[in-house]
Protein backbone atom coordinates (compact mmCIF):
# COMPACT_ATOMS: atom_id res chain seq x y z
CA UNK A 1 0.00 0.00 0.00
CA UNK A 2 1.39 3.41 -0.95
CA UNK A 3 1.65 6.19 1.63
CA UNK A 4 -0.20 8.62 -0.66
CA UNK A 5 -3.76 7.99 -1.60
CA UNK A 6 -4.44 7.47 -5.23
CA UNK A 7 -4.21 11.04 -6.55
CA UNK A 8 -4.28 11.49 -10.28
CA UNK A 9 -1.00 12.55 -11.89
CA UNK A 10 -2.59 15.72 -13.26
CA UNK A 11 -3.52 16.88 -9.77
CA UNK A 12 -0.06 16.05 -8.40
CA UNK A 13 1.60 18.07 -11.17
CA UNK A 14 -0.79 20.96 -10.54
CA UNK A 15 0.00 20.95 -6.81
CA UNK A 16 3.73 20.76 -7.53
CA UNK A 17 3.49 23.76 -9.88
CA UNK A 18 1.38 25.70 -7.36
CA UNK A 19 3.85 25.01 -4.56
CA UNK A 20 6.64 26.33 -6.78
CA UNK A 21 4.78 29.34 -8.16
CA UNK A 22 3.10 30.73 -5.02
CA UNK A 23 6.35 31.60 -3.18
CA UNK A 24 7.79 33.02 -6.39
CA UNK A 25 4.71 35.19 -6.91
CA UNK A 26 4.79 36.32 -3.28
CA UNK A 27 8.47 37.28 -3.51
CA UNK A 28 7.83 39.09 -6.79
CA UNK A 29 5.00 41.03 -5.17
CA UNK A 30 7.19 41.99 -2.23
CA UNK A 31 9.97 43.01 -4.62
CA UNK A 32 7.55 45.19 -6.57
CA UNK A 33 6.30 46.83 -3.38
CA UNK A 34 9.87 47.55 -2.28
CA UNK A 35 10.70 49.00 -5.71
CA UNK A 36 7.60 51.24 -5.67
CA UNK A 37 8.50 52.46 -2.18
CA UNK A 38 12.07 53.15 -3.26
CA UNK A 39 10.90 55.13 -6.30
CA UNK A 40 8.46 57.08 -4.15
CA UNK A 41 11.21 57.98 -1.66
CA UNK A 42 13.56 58.91 -4.50
CA UNK A 43 10.91 61.19 -6.05
CA UNK A 44 10.27 62.77 -2.65
CA UNK A 45 13.98 63.43 -2.15
CA UNK A 46 14.25 64.93 -5.63
CA UNK A 47 11.27 67.17 -4.92
CA UNK A 48 12.84 68.33 -1.65
CA UNK A 49 16.14 69.01 -3.41
CA UNK A 50 14.40 71.13 -6.05
CA UNK A 51 12.45 72.97 -3.35
CA UNK A 52 15.61 73.69 -1.37
CA UNK A 53 17.44 74.92 -4.47
CA UNK A 54 14.54 77.17 -5.39
CA UNK A 55 14.28 78.53 -1.86
CA UNK A 56 18.01 79.24 -1.86
CA UNK A 57 17.78 81.05 -5.19
CA UNK A 58 14.80 83.12 -4.05
CA UNK A 59 16.54 83.95 -0.78
CA UNK A 60 19.69 85.06 -2.61
CA UNK A 61 17.68 87.26 -4.97
CA UNK A 62 15.80 88.82 -2.06
CA UNK A 63 19.09 89.55 -0.30
CA UNK A 64 20.50 91.21 -3.44
CA UNK A 65 17.36 93.27 -3.95
CA UNK A 66 17.32 94.30 -0.29
CA UNK A 67 20.96 95.37 -0.50
CA UNK A 68 20.24 97.50 -3.58
CA UNK A 69 17.19 99.09 -1.92
CA UNK A 70 19.18 99.80 1.24
CA UNK A 71 21.81 101.50 -0.91
CA UNK A 72 19.12 103.59 -2.57
CA UNK A 73 17.74 104.49 0.86
CA UNK A 74 21.08 106.04 1.84
CA UNK A 75 21.18 108.24 -1.26
CA UNK A 76 22.34 111.82 -0.53
CA UNK A 77 19.55 113.01 -2.82
CA UNK A 78 17.00 111.83 -0.23
CA UNK A 79 18.74 113.77 2.54
CA UNK A 80 18.68 116.89 0.35
CA UNK A 81 15.02 116.33 -0.60
CA UNK A 82 15.99 116.23 -4.30
CA UNK A 83 13.38 113.79 -5.64
CA UNK A 84 14.42 114.43 -9.26
CA UNK A 85 17.98 113.30 -8.54
CA UNK A 86 16.68 110.28 -6.60
CA UNK A 87 14.36 109.44 -9.50
CA UNK A 88 17.32 109.50 -11.90
CA UNK A 89 19.42 107.35 -9.55
CA UNK A 90 16.58 104.84 -9.13
CA UNK A 91 16.14 104.60 -12.91
CA UNK A 92 19.86 103.87 -13.34
CA UNK A 93 19.66 101.18 -10.68
CA UNK A 94 16.61 99.66 -12.38
CA UNK A 95 18.52 99.44 -15.68
CA UNK A 96 20.70 96.81 -14.03
CA UNK A 97 17.71 94.96 -12.57
CA UNK A 98 15.57 93.97 -15.58
CA UNK A 99 13.13 91.94 -13.46
CA UNK A 100 12.18 95.00 -11.40
CA UNK A 101 9.06 96.78 -12.61
CA UNK A 102 9.27 100.04 -10.68
CA UNK A 103 10.73 101.79 -7.66
CA UNK A 104 8.31 103.84 -5.63
CA UNK A 105 9.29 106.32 -2.93
CA UNK A 106 6.57 107.52 -0.58
CA UNK A 107 6.64 109.79 2.43
CA UNK A 108 5.47 108.82 5.92
CA UNK A 109 1.87 109.73 5.05
CA UNK A 110 1.93 107.46 1.99
CA UNK A 111 2.13 110.23 -0.60
CA UNK A 112 4.10 108.99 -3.62
CA UNK A 113 7.13 111.20 -4.22
CA UNK A 114 8.87 109.13 -6.90
CA UNK A 115 7.51 106.41 -9.16
CA UNK A 116 9.90 105.17 -11.81
CA UNK A 117 7.00 103.41 -13.53
CA UNK A 118 5.80 106.76 -14.84
CA UNK A 119 7.87 109.28 -16.80
């Protein structure tokens, strides 16, 4: 008497294939999940790197613009009350800053004294 009951050969082959394929499929699934997670983390890191680079560039541009505006603020023309001379100086500064649209100087009450956006 054989230890295994009479199981047809077709069923035995099917079970043998299933026993071989199920672990392989499970490992493939786990590998795919790990790969997706790795790609997700890589994309997140790349996004953070781009964000940091952009923030650094914006910060540097703000620092440069602030330095230029602080220099304009110390203009002797302002101390003398010569708004025409300040307007000319501001226009020359703007020539070197093509992304600037206008420089506006207002007094403490908000009255516009100089606006380089208008002739």
